[in-house]
Amino acid sequence: MCLNHQLSQFDSHKADAFANRLIGVLNEGALCTMLSIGHRTGLFDQLDGRAPLTSEQLAEDSGLDERYVREWLNGLVVAGVVEYTPATRSYFLPEEHAGYLTRRSTEGNFAVFAQYIPMMGTVEDDIVECFKNGGGVPYEKYPRFHEVMAEDSGQTVLSSLEEHILPLIPDLTIRLEEGIRVLDVGCGRGRAINLMAKRYPNSEFVGVDLSEDAISFAKEEAKKQGLRNATFVAKDVTDFDKDNSAEQFDFITTFDAVHDQAKPLNVLKGIYQALKQDGVYLMQDIHASSNVDKNMEHPVGPLLYALSTTHCMTVSLAQGGDGLGTMWGREKATEFLNEAGFRNVKVEQLAHDFQNDYYIIRK
């Protein structure tokens, strides 16, 4: 009786709409890989601002194989990204599209973010095994993660750091100019540290990260820029709260780095201990709720849950960690900050940044 009732309620229009949506998903998911290839090969930058080109001309200018360039171009033509003129067999990237796909766009290059999609695919087999057996996928399984993350942070953090992010904290830039001690936990390739170290030579900057490869990259960049006030240390901060030798800092930052730690609460407790009594802690993390029903209208919710499943959550679980995931949300973040000892927590957002929250935290 129940089965017959369910069948009678079947909505064929709803089913057709969902099938059409899935066709779109397949096309758009495939397009992400093509956007990533265009970014990594520099093809979008070669097309930027150019008159229509044949595939032969573009391949020659790019130093790439023409057959691959032509197939890539044709894929973008049918996707509506690149325009094609049959009479001359030429391809053209409209200015309106180039602004979102080329390296001259320091804040809105979507080809940078598209790299996450094929990167997630490289660990799919490992993730499936985790579904069956539990556990997680370790950092070393993601050879390009820090490279992509550095580009991502270059758009979300570096492009806004001086003009928008640091000014969220009154008088901070004045103190940085005078000279204070700064720590960045989970610094990755150290781009934020090196940028601040160059801008504020009187201050001392320290970056720590689990990845030795990322730290080596950060050190090399600091050396190239002649930054004597930037130091980088490869360090596991899982038990940061037990590091009694931790130095004291006036300003501590974490940029999208807390939720994928093995023991986020330990990290936050360690930051509390390392922060001077009158210091300030800036935590940038994903703008979300801890409750999935409140994330239904999130503009990139599906993407962030996918990234959580295939990276942020699983790398934490691989270390025997909490596996909070990308979408741990304001509620859980505030709970952890309070448990770590912080009592003064203020959350800010930037008008142009729908993806991140900026927590201004004091003791």
Protein backbone atom coordinates (compact mmCIF):
# COMPACT_ATOMS: atom_id res chain seq x y z
CA MET A 1 0.00 0.00 0.00
CA CYS A 2 2.82 2.40 0.90
CA LEU A 3 4.70 1.52 -2.28
CA ASN A 4 1.67 2.24 -4.47
CA HIS A 5 1.21 5.56 -2.70
CA GLN A 6 4.83 6.49 -3.33
CA LEU A 7 4.57 5.57 -7.01
CA SER A 8 1.42 7.62 -7.43
CA GLN A 9 3.26 10.62 -6.01
CA PHE A 10 6.20 10.30 -8.44
CA ASP A 11 6.84 13.68 -10.10
CA SER A 12 8.12 13.09 -13.64
CA HIS A 13 8.82 16.81 -14.14
CA LYS A 14 11.00 16.83 -11.04
CA ALA A 15 12.84 13.74 -12.29
CA ASP A 16 13.41 15.28 -15.74
CA ALA A 17 14.66 18.51 -14.21
CA PHE A 18 17.11 16.59 -12.05
CA ALA A 19 18.36 14.56 -15.04
CA ASN A 20 18.94 17.79 -16.96
CA ARG A 21 20.78 19.19 -13.99
CA LEU A 22 23.06 16.15 -13.92
CA ILE A 23 23.88 16.65 -17.60
CA GLY A 24 24.93 20.17 -16.67
CA VAL A 25 26.99 18.84 -13.77
CA LEU A 26 28.90 16.49 -16.09
CA ASN A 27 29.62 19.28 -18.56
CA GLU A 28 30.63 21.85 -15.98
CA GLY A 29 32.74 19.35 -14.03
CA ALA A 30 34.59 18.46 -17.21
CA LEU A 31 35.02 22.15 -17.99
CA CYS A 32 36.82 22.66 -14.68
CA THR A 33 39.58 20.33 -15.85
CA MET A 34 39.88 22.29 -19.11
CA LEU A 35 40.07 25.58 -17.16
CA SER A 36 42.77 24.12 -14.95
CA ILE A 37 44.78 23.01 -17.99
CA GLY A 38 44.40 26.45 -19.55
CA HIS A 39 45.74 28.07 -16.41
CA ARG A 40 48.64 25.68 -15.85
CA THR A 41 49.81 25.82 -19.48
CA GLY A 42 49.45 29.61 -19.68
CA LEU A 43 47.07 29.34 -22.65
CA PHE A 44 44.55 31.77 -21.18
CA ASP A 45 47.29 34.33 -20.69
CA GLN A 46 48.42 33.84 -24.30
CA LEU A 47 44.87 34.48 -25.53
CA ASP A 48 44.38 37.50 -23.26
CA GLY A 49 43.94 40.71 -25.25
CA ARG A 50 44.89 39.07 -28.55
CA ALA A 51 43.18 39.26 -31.92
CA PRO A 52 41.68 35.96 -33.12
CA LEU A 53 44.31 33.22 -33.49
CA THR A 54 44.42 29.86 -35.22
CA SER A 55 45.34 26.84 -33.14
CA GLU A 56 48.68 26.72 -35.01
CA GLN A 57 49.47 30.33 -34.07
CA LEU A 58 48.51 29.83 -30.44
CA ALA A 59 50.50 26.60 -30.16
CA GLU A 60 53.58 28.24 -31.67
CA ASP A 61 53.35 31.28 -29.39
CA SER A 62 52.84 29.04 -26.35
CA GLY A 63 55.48 26.46 -27.23
CA LEU A 64 52.88 23.71 -26.95
CA ASP A 65 51.67 20.81 -29.10
CA GLU A 66 49.16 22.03 -31.68
CA ARG A 67 46.92 18.96 -31.63
CA TYR A 68 46.36 19.27 -27.90
CA VAL A 69 45.88 23.03 -28.12
CA ARG A 70 43.25 22.60 -30.85
CA GLU A 71 41.26 20.00 -28.91
CA TRP A 72 41.39 22.16 -25.78
CA LEU A 73 40.20 25.19 -27.76
CA ASN A 74 37.34 23.24 -29.31
CA GLY A 75 36.19 22.10 -25.90
CA LEU A 76 36.08 25.70 -24.71
CA VAL A 77 34.22 26.77 -27.86
CA VAL A 78 31.34 24.37 -27.24
CA ALA A 79 31.38 25.39 -23.57
CA GLY A 80 30.87 29.03 -24.52
CA VAL A 81 34.20 30.22 -23.09
CA VAL A 82 36.09 30.86 -26.34
CA GLU A 83 34.58 32.19 -29.59
CA TYR A 84 35.28 30.57 -32.98
CA THR A 85 35.17 31.88 -36.55
CA PRO A 86 34.83 28.94 -39.02
CA ALA A 87 35.90 30.92 -42.10
CA THR A 88 39.35 31.65 -40.67
CA ARG A 89 39.52 28.73 -38.20
CA SER A 90 40.41 31.28 -35.53
CA TYR A 91 39.73 31.45 -31.81
CA PHE A 92 39.11 34.48 -29.60
CA LEU A 93 38.84 34.96 -25.82
CA PRO A 94 36.38 37.80 -25.10
CA GLU A 95 37.54 40.50 -22.70
CA GLU A 96 34.52 39.79 -20.52
CA HIS A 97 35.75 36.22 -20.01
CA ALA A 98 39.47 36.98 -19.85
CA GLY A 99 38.99 39.05 -16.70
CA TYR A 100 37.98 35.89 -14.84
CA LEU A 101 40.48 33.44 -16.35
CA THR A 102 43.87 35.15 -16.63
CA ARG A 103 46.71 35.93 -14.25
CA ARG A 104 46.16 39.66 -14.52
CA SER A 105 43.08 39.10 -12.38
CA THR A 106 44.58 39.15 -8.89
CA GLU A 107 41.30 38.51 -7.04
CA GLY A 108 38.86 36.80 -9.41
CA ASN A 109 40.76 34.26 -11.51
CA PHE A 110 38.38 31.30 -11.42
CA ALA A 111 40.86 29.12 -13.30
CA VAL A 112 42.91 29.09 -10.10
CA PHE A 113 40.00 27.58 -8.15
CA ALA A 114 39.19 25.17 -10.99
CA GLN A 115 42.48 23.39 -10.21
CA TYR A 116 40.89 21.92 -7.08
CA ILE A 117 38.55 19.72 -9.16
CA PRO A 118 41.16 17.61 -10.98
CA MET A 119 43.30 17.63 -7.84
CA MET A 120 40.45 15.99 -5.92
CA GLY A 121 40.27 13.32 -8.61
CA THR A 122 43.87 12.25 -8.01
CA VAL A 123 42.96 10.91 -4.55
CA GLU A 124 39.53 9.47 -5.35
CA ASP A 125 40.73 5.86 -5.07
CA ASP A 126 42.25 6.59 -1.66
CA ILE A 127 39.09 8.35 -0.49
CA VAL A 128 36.93 5.41 -1.56
CA GLU A 129 39.14 3.12 0.53
CA CYS A 130 38.61 5.46 3.49
CA PHE A 131 34.84 5.16 3.04
CA LYS A 132 35.23 1.39 3.34
CA ASN A 133 37.87 1.19 6.06
CA GLY A 134 37.98 4.56 7.80
CA GLY A 135 41.20 6.49 8.37
CA GLY A 136 42.39 9.26 6.11
CA VAL A 137 44.62 10.33 3.24
CA PRO A 138 47.92 11.93 4.34
CA TYR A 139 49.36 15.24 3.10
CA GLU A 140 52.03 13.56 1.00
CA LYS A 141 49.33 12.21 -1.33
CA TYR A 142 48.68 15.78 -2.53
CA PRO A 143 51.83 16.85 -4.42
CA ARG A 144 50.24 20.02 -5.82
CA PHE A 145 48.16 21.09 -2.84
CA HIS A 146 50.51 23.74 -1.48
CA GLU A 147 51.09 25.11 -4.97
CA VAL A 148 47.36 25.50 -5.61
CA MET A 149 46.67 26.75 -2.09
CA ALA A 150 49.38 29.39 -2.49
CA GLU A 151 47.64 30.67 -5.63
CA ASP A 152 44.27 30.55 -3.87
CA SER A 153 45.56 32.54 -0.88
CA GLY A 154 47.23 34.93 -3.31
CA GLN A 155 43.74 35.91 -4.45
CA THR A 156 41.81 35.73 -1.18
CA VAL A 157 44.47 36.87 1.32
CA LEU A 158 47.47 38.54 -0.31
CA SER A 159 45.44 40.77 -2.60
CA SER A 160 43.46 42.07 0.40
CA LEU A 161 45.97 41.83 3.24
CA GLU A 162 47.30 45.38 3.26
CA GLU A 163 44.16 47.24 2.23
CA HIS A 164 41.37 45.25 3.88
CA ILE A 165 42.46 42.52 6.31
CA LEU A 166 45.08 44.12 8.55
CA PRO A 167 42.97 47.31 8.95
CA LEU A 168 40.26 45.17 10.61
CA ILE A 169 42.44 45.48 13.73
CA PRO A 170 42.77 49.11 14.92
CA ASP A 171 46.34 50.45 15.12
CA LEU A 172 47.85 47.14 14.00
CA THR A 173 49.64 48.59 10.99
CA ILE A 174 51.14 51.29 13.20
CA ARG A 175 52.47 48.64 15.60
CA LEU A 176 53.85 46.62 12.69
CA GLU A 177 55.68 49.68 11.42
CA GLU A 178 57.16 50.31 14.87
CA GLY A 179 58.18 46.67 15.30
CA ILE A 180 56.42 43.68 16.88
CA ARG A 181 56.76 39.86 16.81
CA VAL A 182 54.41 37.97 14.49
CA LEU A 183 53.65 34.23 14.16
CA ASP A 184 51.76 32.55 11.31
CA VAL A 185 50.65 28.99 12.16
CA GLY A 186 50.12 26.75 9.13
CA CYS A 187 51.91 29.24 6.90
CA GLY A 188 52.15 26.98 3.83
CA ARG A 189 54.55 28.53 1.34
CA GLY A 190 54.85 31.60 3.51
CA ARG A 191 53.46 34.14 1.08
CA ALA A 192 51.63 36.16 3.75
CA ILE A 193 54.68 36.18 6.04
CA ASN A 194 57.04 37.26 3.26
CA LEU A 195 54.65 39.97 2.11
CA MET A 196 54.35 41.42 5.62
CA ALA A 197 58.08 41.03 6.30
CA LYS A 198 58.87 43.08 3.22
CA ARG A 199 56.30 45.74 4.05
CA TYR A 200 57.24 46.01 7.76
CA PRO A 201 61.03 45.62 8.10
CA ASN A 202 61.04 46.62 11.79
CA SER A 203 58.88 43.66 12.78
CA GLU A 204 59.98 40.03 13.19
CA PHE A 205 58.00 37.28 11.46
CA VAL A 206 57.94 33.52 12.08
CA GLY A 207 56.05 30.96 9.99
CA VAL A 208 55.48 27.31 10.95
CA ASP A 209 53.99 24.51 8.87
CA LEU A 210 53.91 20.72 8.88
CA SER A 211 55.09 20.48 5.26
CA GLU A 212 58.86 20.56 4.86
CA ASP A 213 58.46 21.17 1.11
CA ALA A 214 56.30 24.24 1.75
CA ILE A 215 58.75 25.55 4.35
CA SER A 216 61.69 25.07 1.98
CA PHE A 217 59.81 27.06 -0.67
CA ALA A 218 59.07 29.83 1.85
CA LYS A 219 62.70 30.02 2.94
CA GLU A 220 63.92 30.24 -0.65
CA GLU A 221 61.48 33.04 -1.43
CA ALA A 222 62.58 34.97 1.67
CA LYS A 223 66.19 34.53 0.62
CA LYS A 224 65.47 35.76 -2.92
CA GLN A 225 63.82 38.88 -1.51
CA GLY A 226 66.59 39.48 1.03
CA LEU A 227 64.21 39.28 3.98
CA ARG A 228 66.22 38.95 7.16
CA ASN A 229 63.18 39.42 9.40
CA ALA A 230 61.34 36.29 8.19
CA THR A 231 62.02 32.85 9.70
CA PHE A 232 60.35 29.57 8.74
CA VAL A 233 60.20 26.33 10.73
CA ALA A 234 58.89 22.91 9.69
CA LYS A 235 56.90 21.81 12.71
CA ASP A 236 54.00 19.57 13.67
CA VAL A 237 51.70 21.68 15.86
CA THR A 238 49.43 18.80 16.89
CA ASP A 239 50.62 19.21 20.50
CA PHE A 240 51.25 22.95 20.31
CA ASP A 241 49.50 23.36 23.65
CA LYS A 242 52.22 21.28 25.33
CA ASP A 243 55.08 23.32 23.86
CA ASN A 244 56.18 25.13 26.99
CA SER A 245 59.10 26.62 25.10
CA ALA A 246 56.74 28.53 22.85
CA GLU A 247 57.83 32.14 22.44
CA GLN A 248 55.50 35.06 23.00
CA PHE A 249 54.09 37.02 20.08
CA ASP A 250 52.21 40.30 19.71
CA PHE A 251 50.27 39.18 16.66
CA ILE A 252 49.39 35.62 15.58
CA THR A 253 47.66 34.61 12.35
CA THR A 254 46.15 31.50 10.82
CA PHE A 255 44.92 31.70 7.25
CA ASP A 256 42.51 28.86 6.44
CA ALA A 257 44.68 26.54 8.55
CA VAL A 258 42.89 25.52 11.76
CA HIS A 259 40.08 23.21 10.63
CA ASP A 260 42.34 20.66 8.91
CA GLN A 261 44.74 20.29 11.84
CA ALA A 262 44.85 16.91 13.59
CA LYS A 263 43.95 18.52 16.93
CA PRO A 264 42.55 22.00 16.27
CA LEU A 265 41.78 22.64 19.93
CA ASN A 266 45.40 21.89 20.89
CA VAL A 267 46.55 24.34 18.24
CA LEU A 268 44.22 27.04 19.54
CA LYS A 269 45.34 26.42 23.13
CA GLY A 270 48.95 26.71 21.99
CA ILE A 271 48.16 29.98 20.23
CA TYR A 272 46.53 31.25 23.42
CA GLN A 273 49.69 30.45 25.37
CA ALA A 274 51.97 31.98 22.73
CA LEU A 275 49.96 35.22 22.50
CA LYS A 276 51.02 38.09 24.71
CA GLN A 277 48.44 39.36 27.18
CA ASP A 278 47.78 42.45 25.07
CA GLY A 279 48.25 40.63 21.75
CA VAL A 280 45.74 39.86 19.04
CA TYR A 281 45.04 36.68 17.09
CA LEU A 282 43.59 36.88 13.56
CA MET A 283 41.95 33.67 12.32
CA GLN A 284 40.74 33.58 8.73
CA ASP A 285 38.52 30.57 8.06
CA ILE A 286 35.65 29.51 5.85
CA HIS A 287 32.39 31.40 6.19
CA ALA A 288 29.84 28.73 7.05
CA SER A 289 27.53 27.40 9.72
CA SER A 290 28.21 24.24 11.70
CA ASN A 291 24.67 23.17 10.78
CA VAL A 292 24.17 21.89 7.23
CA ASP A 293 20.60 23.19 7.01
CA LYS A 294 21.96 26.72 7.38
CA ASN A 295 24.38 26.25 4.48
CA MET A 296 21.71 25.54 1.86
CA GLU A 297 22.16 28.95 0.22
CA HIS A 298 25.97 28.99 0.43
CA PRO A 299 27.17 29.98 -3.07
CA VAL A 300 29.97 27.37 -3.11
CA GLY A 301 28.62 24.95 -0.52
CA PRO A 302 28.88 21.80 -2.68
CA LEU A 303 32.47 22.67 -3.63
CA LEU A 304 33.51 23.22 -0.01
CA TYR A 305 31.93 19.99 1.24
CA ALA A 306 33.68 18.15 -1.61
CA LEU A 307 37.02 19.74 -0.71
CA SER A 308 36.40 18.78 2.90
CA THR A 309 35.70 15.15 2.01
CA THR A 310 38.72 14.83 -0.26
CA HIS A 311 41.23 16.96 1.63
CA CYS A 312 40.58 18.97 4.79
CA MET A 313 38.68 16.33 6.76
CA THR A 314 40.68 13.35 5.55
CA VAL A 315 44.18 14.79 6.13
CA SER A 316 43.19 15.40 9.74
CA LEU A 317 41.80 11.88 10.12
CA ALA A 318 45.01 10.49 8.56
CA GLN A 319 46.86 11.85 11.61
CA GLY A 320 44.34 10.33 14.01
CA GLY A 321 42.78 13.77 14.31
CA ASP A 322 39.34 15.24 14.84
CA GLY A 323 38.44 15.55 11.15
CA LEU A 324 36.43 18.75 11.65
CA GLY A 325 36.29 19.45 7.94
CA THR A 326 36.15 22.64 5.92
CA MET A 327 32.59 23.48 7.00
CA TRP A 328 33.14 23.32 10.76
CA GLY A 329 31.40 26.70 10.88
CA ARG A 330 31.19 29.73 13.15
CA GLU A 331 29.41 27.91 15.96
CA LYS A 332 32.06 25.20 16.36
CA ALA A 333 34.90 27.68 15.79
CA THR A 334 33.60 29.99 18.52
CA GLU A 335 33.12 27.02 20.85
CA PHE A 336 36.73 25.90 20.33
CA LEU A 337 38.09 29.43 20.76
CA ASN A 338 36.24 29.80 24.06
CA GLU A 339 37.45 26.39 25.23
CA ALA A 340 41.01 27.40 24.35
CA GLY A 341 40.66 30.34 26.74
CA PHE A 342 39.74 33.24 24.50
CA ARG A 343 36.91 35.42 25.75
CA ASN A 344 37.00 38.31 23.29
CA VAL A 345 35.99 37.03 19.84
CA LYS A 346 34.65 39.26 17.08
CA VAL A 347 33.79 38.00 13.58
CA GLU A 348 34.13 40.25 10.54
CA GLN A 349 33.47 39.79 6.83
CA LEU A 350 34.83 41.72 3.87
CA ALA A 351 32.34 43.06 1.35
CA HIS A 352 34.11 41.43 -1.61
CA ASP A 353 34.82 38.09 0.10
CA PHE A 354 31.80 35.80 0.51
CA GLN A 355 33.95 32.75 1.27
CA ASN A 356 35.76 33.75 4.48
CA ASP A 357 35.18 34.92 8.01
CA TYR A 358 37.82 36.94 9.85
CA TYR A 359 37.93 36.33 13.59
CA ILE A 360 39.53 39.13 15.65
CA ILE A 361 40.49 37.41 18.90
CA ARG A 362 41.94 38.66 22.17
CA LYS A 363 42.43 37.14 25.61
